[in-house]
N, C-alpha and C. Protein backbone atom coordinates (compact mmCIF):
# COMPACT_ATOMS: atom_id res chain seq x y z
N UNK A 1 151.14 -202.07 -16.84
CA UNK A 1 151.57 -201.31 -18.00
C UNK A 1 153.06 -201.52 -18.27
N UNK A 2 153.82 -201.75 -17.24
CA UNK A 2 155.26 -201.94 -17.45
C UNK A 2 155.57 -203.29 -18.11
N UNK A 3 154.60 -204.20 -18.09
CA UNK A 3 154.78 -205.50 -18.73
C UNK A 3 154.88 -205.31 -20.25
N UNK A 4 154.21 -204.31 -20.77
CA UNK A 4 154.25 -204.02 -22.21
C UNK A 4 155.67 -203.76 -22.66
N UNK A 5 156.46 -203.10 -21.83
CA UNK A 5 157.84 -202.78 -22.18
C UNK A 5 158.71 -204.04 -22.28
N UNK A 6 158.26 -205.11 -21.68
CA UNK A 6 158.98 -206.39 -21.77
C UNK A 6 158.43 -207.23 -22.93
N UNK A 7 157.11 -207.23 -23.10
CA UNK A 7 156.49 -208.09 -24.10
C UNK A 7 156.73 -207.62 -25.54
N UNK A 8 156.77 -206.34 -25.77
CA UNK A 8 156.99 -205.84 -27.13
C UNK A 8 158.37 -206.23 -27.65
N UNK A 9 159.46 -206.06 -26.91
CA UNK A 9 160.76 -206.53 -27.43
C UNK A 9 160.81 -208.05 -27.63
N UNK A 10 160.14 -208.80 -26.76
CA UNK A 10 160.11 -210.25 -26.93
C UNK A 10 159.35 -210.61 -28.21
N UNK A 11 158.23 -209.94 -28.48
CA UNK A 11 157.47 -210.19 -29.69
C UNK A 11 158.28 -209.82 -30.93
N UNK A 12 158.99 -208.70 -30.88
CA UNK A 12 159.83 -208.30 -32.00
C UNK A 12 160.94 -209.32 -32.22
N UNK A 13 161.51 -209.84 -31.14
CA UNK A 13 162.55 -210.87 -31.25
C UNK A 13 162.00 -212.13 -31.91
N UNK A 14 160.78 -212.55 -31.54
CA UNK A 14 160.17 -213.72 -32.16
C UNK A 14 159.92 -213.50 -33.65
N UNK A 15 159.50 -212.30 -34.03
CA UNK A 15 159.27 -212.00 -35.45
C UNK A 15 160.59 -212.05 -36.21
N UNK A 16 161.64 -211.51 -35.64
CA UNK A 16 162.94 -211.53 -36.31
C UNK A 16 163.45 -212.96 -36.46
N UNK A 17 163.28 -213.78 -35.42
CA UNK A 17 163.69 -215.18 -35.50
C UNK A 17 162.87 -215.92 -36.56
N UNK A 18 161.55 -215.69 -36.59
CA UNK A 18 160.69 -216.33 -37.59
C UNK A 18 161.06 -215.94 -39.01
N UNK A 19 161.33 -214.66 -39.22
CA UNK A 19 161.76 -214.22 -40.55
C UNK A 19 163.12 -214.81 -40.93
N UNK A 20 164.00 -214.91 -39.95
CA UNK A 20 165.31 -215.51 -40.21
C UNK A 20 165.19 -216.97 -40.62
N UNK A 21 164.34 -217.72 -39.94
CA UNK A 21 164.13 -219.13 -40.29
C UNK A 21 163.48 -219.24 -41.67
N UNK A 22 162.51 -218.37 -41.97
CA UNK A 22 161.87 -218.41 -43.28
C UNK A 22 162.86 -218.12 -44.40
N UNK A 23 163.68 -217.08 -44.25
CA UNK A 23 164.63 -216.75 -45.30
C UNK A 23 165.73 -217.80 -45.41
N UNK A 24 166.08 -218.45 -44.30
CA UNK A 24 167.04 -219.56 -44.37
C UNK A 24 166.44 -220.71 -45.18
N UNK A 25 165.16 -221.01 -44.95
CA UNK A 25 164.52 -222.10 -45.69
C UNK A 25 164.43 -221.79 -47.18
N UNK A 26 164.16 -220.53 -47.51
CA UNK A 26 164.10 -220.15 -48.93
C UNK A 26 165.48 -220.26 -49.55
N UNK A 27 166.49 -219.80 -48.84
CA UNK A 27 167.85 -219.84 -49.37
C UNK A 27 168.36 -221.28 -49.48
N UNK A 28 167.91 -222.17 -48.59
CA UNK A 28 168.33 -223.57 -48.61
C UNK A 28 167.49 -224.40 -49.58
N UNK A 29 166.64 -223.75 -50.37
CA UNK A 29 165.81 -224.37 -51.40
C UNK A 29 164.85 -225.41 -50.83
N UNK A 30 164.27 -225.13 -49.66
CA UNK A 30 163.32 -226.05 -49.06
C UNK A 30 161.97 -226.04 -49.78
N UNK A 31 161.67 -224.97 -50.48
CA UNK A 31 160.36 -224.83 -51.12
C UNK A 31 160.41 -224.99 -52.63
N UNK A 32 161.49 -225.51 -53.18
CA UNK A 32 161.62 -225.59 -54.63
C UNK A 32 160.69 -226.63 -55.26
N UNK A 33 160.65 -227.84 -54.74
CA UNK A 33 159.87 -228.91 -55.34
C UNK A 33 158.91 -229.47 -54.30
N UNK A 34 157.72 -228.89 -54.23
CA UNK A 34 156.75 -229.32 -53.23
C UNK A 34 156.02 -230.60 -53.62
N UNK A 35 156.03 -230.95 -54.90
CA UNK A 35 155.30 -232.12 -55.37
C UNK A 35 156.11 -233.40 -55.31
N UNK A 36 157.42 -233.32 -55.17
CA UNK A 36 158.28 -234.50 -55.22
C UNK A 36 157.93 -235.51 -54.13
N UNK A 37 157.78 -235.05 -52.92
CA UNK A 37 157.50 -235.97 -51.82
C UNK A 37 156.11 -236.57 -51.94
N UNK A 38 155.17 -235.82 -52.48
CA UNK A 38 153.83 -236.36 -52.67
C UNK A 38 153.80 -237.47 -53.71
N UNK A 39 154.59 -237.34 -54.76
CA UNK A 39 154.63 -238.36 -55.81
C UNK A 39 155.53 -239.53 -55.45
N UNK A 40 156.43 -239.34 -54.51
CA UNK A 40 157.38 -240.41 -54.20
C UNK A 40 156.70 -241.63 -53.59
N UNK A 41 155.55 -241.44 -52.95
CA UNK A 41 154.86 -242.60 -52.37
C UNK A 41 154.08 -243.38 -53.42
N UNK A 42 153.90 -242.79 -54.60
CA UNK A 42 153.12 -243.46 -55.64
C UNK A 42 153.94 -244.41 -56.50
N UNK A 43 155.22 -244.17 -56.59
CA UNK A 43 156.07 -244.95 -57.49
C UNK A 43 157.10 -245.74 -56.68
N UNK A 44 157.28 -247.00 -57.04
CA UNK A 44 158.24 -247.86 -56.37
C UNK A 44 159.57 -247.74 -57.09
N UNK A 45 160.57 -247.22 -56.42
CA UNK A 45 161.88 -247.04 -57.04
C UNK A 45 162.73 -248.30 -56.97
N UNK A 46 162.32 -249.30 -56.22
CA UNK A 46 163.12 -250.50 -56.00
C UNK A 46 162.59 -251.68 -56.80
N UNK A 47 162.09 -251.48 -58.00
CA UNK A 47 161.55 -252.58 -58.80
C UNK A 47 162.62 -253.61 -59.12
N UNK A 48 163.83 -253.19 -59.49
CA UNK A 48 164.89 -254.12 -59.84
C UNK A 48 165.40 -254.85 -58.59
N UNK A 49 165.43 -254.18 -57.47
CA UNK A 49 165.93 -254.79 -56.25
C UNK A 49 164.93 -255.76 -55.63
N UNK A 50 163.65 -255.59 -55.88
CA UNK A 50 162.65 -256.45 -55.24
C UNK A 50 162.72 -257.88 -55.78
N UNK A 51 163.16 -258.06 -57.03
CA UNK A 51 163.25 -259.41 -57.57
C UNK A 51 164.47 -260.16 -57.02
N UNK A 52 165.46 -259.44 -56.51
CA UNK A 52 166.66 -260.07 -55.97
C UNK A 52 166.49 -260.52 -54.52
N UNK A 53 165.50 -259.98 -53.84
CA UNK A 53 165.31 -260.33 -52.44
C UNK A 53 164.68 -261.71 -52.33
N UNK A 54 165.11 -262.49 -51.35
CA UNK A 54 164.52 -263.82 -51.19
C UNK A 54 163.08 -263.70 -50.69
N UNK A 55 162.28 -264.67 -51.07
CA UNK A 55 160.89 -264.68 -50.66
C UNK A 55 160.79 -265.17 -49.23
N UNK A 56 159.74 -264.75 -48.56
CA UNK A 56 159.52 -265.18 -47.18
C UNK A 56 159.15 -266.66 -47.18
N UNK A 57 159.61 -267.40 -46.18
CA UNK A 57 159.26 -268.83 -46.14
C UNK A 57 157.77 -269.02 -45.92
N UNK A 58 157.24 -270.04 -46.55
CA UNK A 58 155.81 -270.32 -46.44
C UNK A 58 155.59 -271.29 -45.30
N UNK A 59 154.37 -271.28 -44.75
CA UNK A 59 154.05 -272.18 -43.66
C UNK A 59 153.92 -273.63 -44.13
N UNK A 60 153.31 -273.81 -45.28
CA UNK A 60 153.12 -275.16 -45.80
C UNK A 60 153.94 -275.32 -47.07
N UNK A 61 154.60 -276.44 -47.25
CA UNK A 61 155.32 -276.66 -48.50
C UNK A 61 154.33 -276.90 -49.64
N UNK A 62 154.67 -276.48 -50.85
CA UNK A 62 153.75 -276.70 -51.98
C UNK A 62 153.59 -278.20 -52.27
N UNK A 63 152.38 -278.60 -52.63
CA UNK A 63 152.11 -280.02 -52.90
C UNK A 63 151.90 -280.27 -54.35
């Protein structure tokens, strides 16, 4: 029964830490744009840069 007196303050401490991290994330605007990262894999932002890169050497020369 005396273990309860130790576990309850530890549980309360974990809840306070969790709420602190959640409110920090909200204040740091971590949840503002949830779709941006999902769409970023669909579009290639380096279209202009890809034409400037040299092509990989081929195994056989063109005939």
